[in-house]
Protein backbone atom coordinates (compact mmCIF):
# COMPACT_ATOMS: atom_id res chain seq x y z
CA MET A 1 0.00 0.00 0.00
CA ASP A 2 1.11 3.52 -0.69
CA ASP A 3 1.45 6.35 1.82
CA GLU A 4 -1.67 7.83 0.22
CA ASP A 5 -3.64 4.80 1.44
CA ASN A 6 -2.45 5.36 5.01
CA GLN A 7 -3.59 8.97 5.33
CA GLY A 8 -5.50 9.57 8.53
CA LEU A 9 -4.11 6.47 10.22
CA GLU A 10 -2.06 6.87 13.35
CA ILE A 11 0.58 4.28 14.15
CA ILE A 12 1.35 3.94 17.83
CA GLN A 13 3.69 1.66 19.73
CA ILE A 14 2.96 0.17 23.11
CA ASP A 15 5.20 -1.89 25.36
CA GLN A 16 4.41 -5.60 25.17
CA LYS A 17 4.23 -5.94 28.96
CA ILE A 18 1.70 -3.11 29.20
CA PHE A 19 -0.39 -4.61 26.39
CA SER A 20 -0.30 -8.08 27.96
CA ALA A 21 -1.34 -6.68 31.33
CA LYS A 22 -4.31 -4.82 29.89
CA TYR A 23 -5.40 -7.40 27.29
CA SER A 24 -4.77 -10.83 28.76
CA THR A 25 -7.70 -12.93 27.51
CA LYS A 26 -8.64 -13.96 24.00
CA GLY A 27 -11.85 -11.92 24.23
CA GLU A 28 -10.02 -8.75 25.30
CA VAL A 29 -7.43 -9.02 22.51
CA PHE A 30 -10.12 -9.84 19.93
CA ARG A 31 -12.23 -6.87 21.06
CA PHE A 32 -9.18 -4.55 20.93
CA LEU A 33 -8.20 -5.62 17.40
CA ALA A 34 -11.76 -5.50 16.09
CA THR A 35 -12.85 -2.20 17.67
CA GLU A 36 -9.78 -0.15 18.53
CA ALA A 37 -7.52 -1.24 15.66
CA MET A 38 -10.48 -1.76 13.29
CA ILE A 39 -9.03 -4.97 11.87
CA TYR A 40 -11.40 -7.33 10.08
CA LEU A 41 -11.07 -10.67 11.83
CA PRO A 42 -12.45 -14.13 11.21
CA SER A 43 -15.04 -15.54 13.61
CA PHE A 44 -14.04 -15.47 17.29
CA ASP A 45 -14.31 -19.28 17.45
CA THR A 46 -11.84 -19.80 14.59
CA VAL A 47 -8.88 -17.78 15.89
CA THR A 48 -6.50 -18.56 18.73
CA ILE A 49 -5.15 -16.20 21.37
CA TRP A 50 -1.67 -16.75 19.93
CA HIS A 51 -2.79 -15.71 16.44
CA LEU A 52 -4.44 -12.58 17.84
CA LYS A 53 -1.36 -11.64 19.86
CA GLU A 54 0.83 -12.12 16.77
CA LEU A 55 -1.42 -9.71 14.89
CA ALA A 56 -1.29 -7.21 17.74
CA SER A 57 2.50 -7.42 18.03
CA GLY A 58 3.05 -7.15 14.29
CA THR A 59 4.81 -10.50 13.92
CA LYS A 60 1.94 -11.74 11.76
CA LYS A 61 0.73 -9.51 8.95
CA VAL A 62 -2.77 -9.01 7.64
CA SER A 63 -3.26 -9.69 3.94
CA SER A 64 -2.96 -6.51 1.90
CA ASP A 65 -6.06 -7.59 -0.04
CA ILE A 66 -8.04 -7.49 3.18
CA LEU A 67 -6.54 -4.11 4.10
CA ASP A 68 -7.48 -2.74 0.68
CA LEU A 69 -11.07 -3.86 1.24
CA ILE A 70 -11.14 -2.33 4.72
CA PHE A 71 -9.78 1.02 3.52
CA LEU A 72 -12.15 1.06 0.57
CA GLY A 73 -15.06 0.54 2.92
CA PHE A 74 -16.23 -2.91 1.81
């Protein structure tokens, strides 16, 4: 994605210990990613806590096709 696609998005960094203390359960991490980070996620029942934490930490990337759909409003 180009910088033009990222206009209006704010990238913040948070310490992993602080994040883990605040969002310790699968439900809390899922809710954070879905509402705060506005990431389109599969069904709650189909993802693991480890997958969600990898998304939150940036070690696992979201498909750019999905991001394009999110930014286009689909």
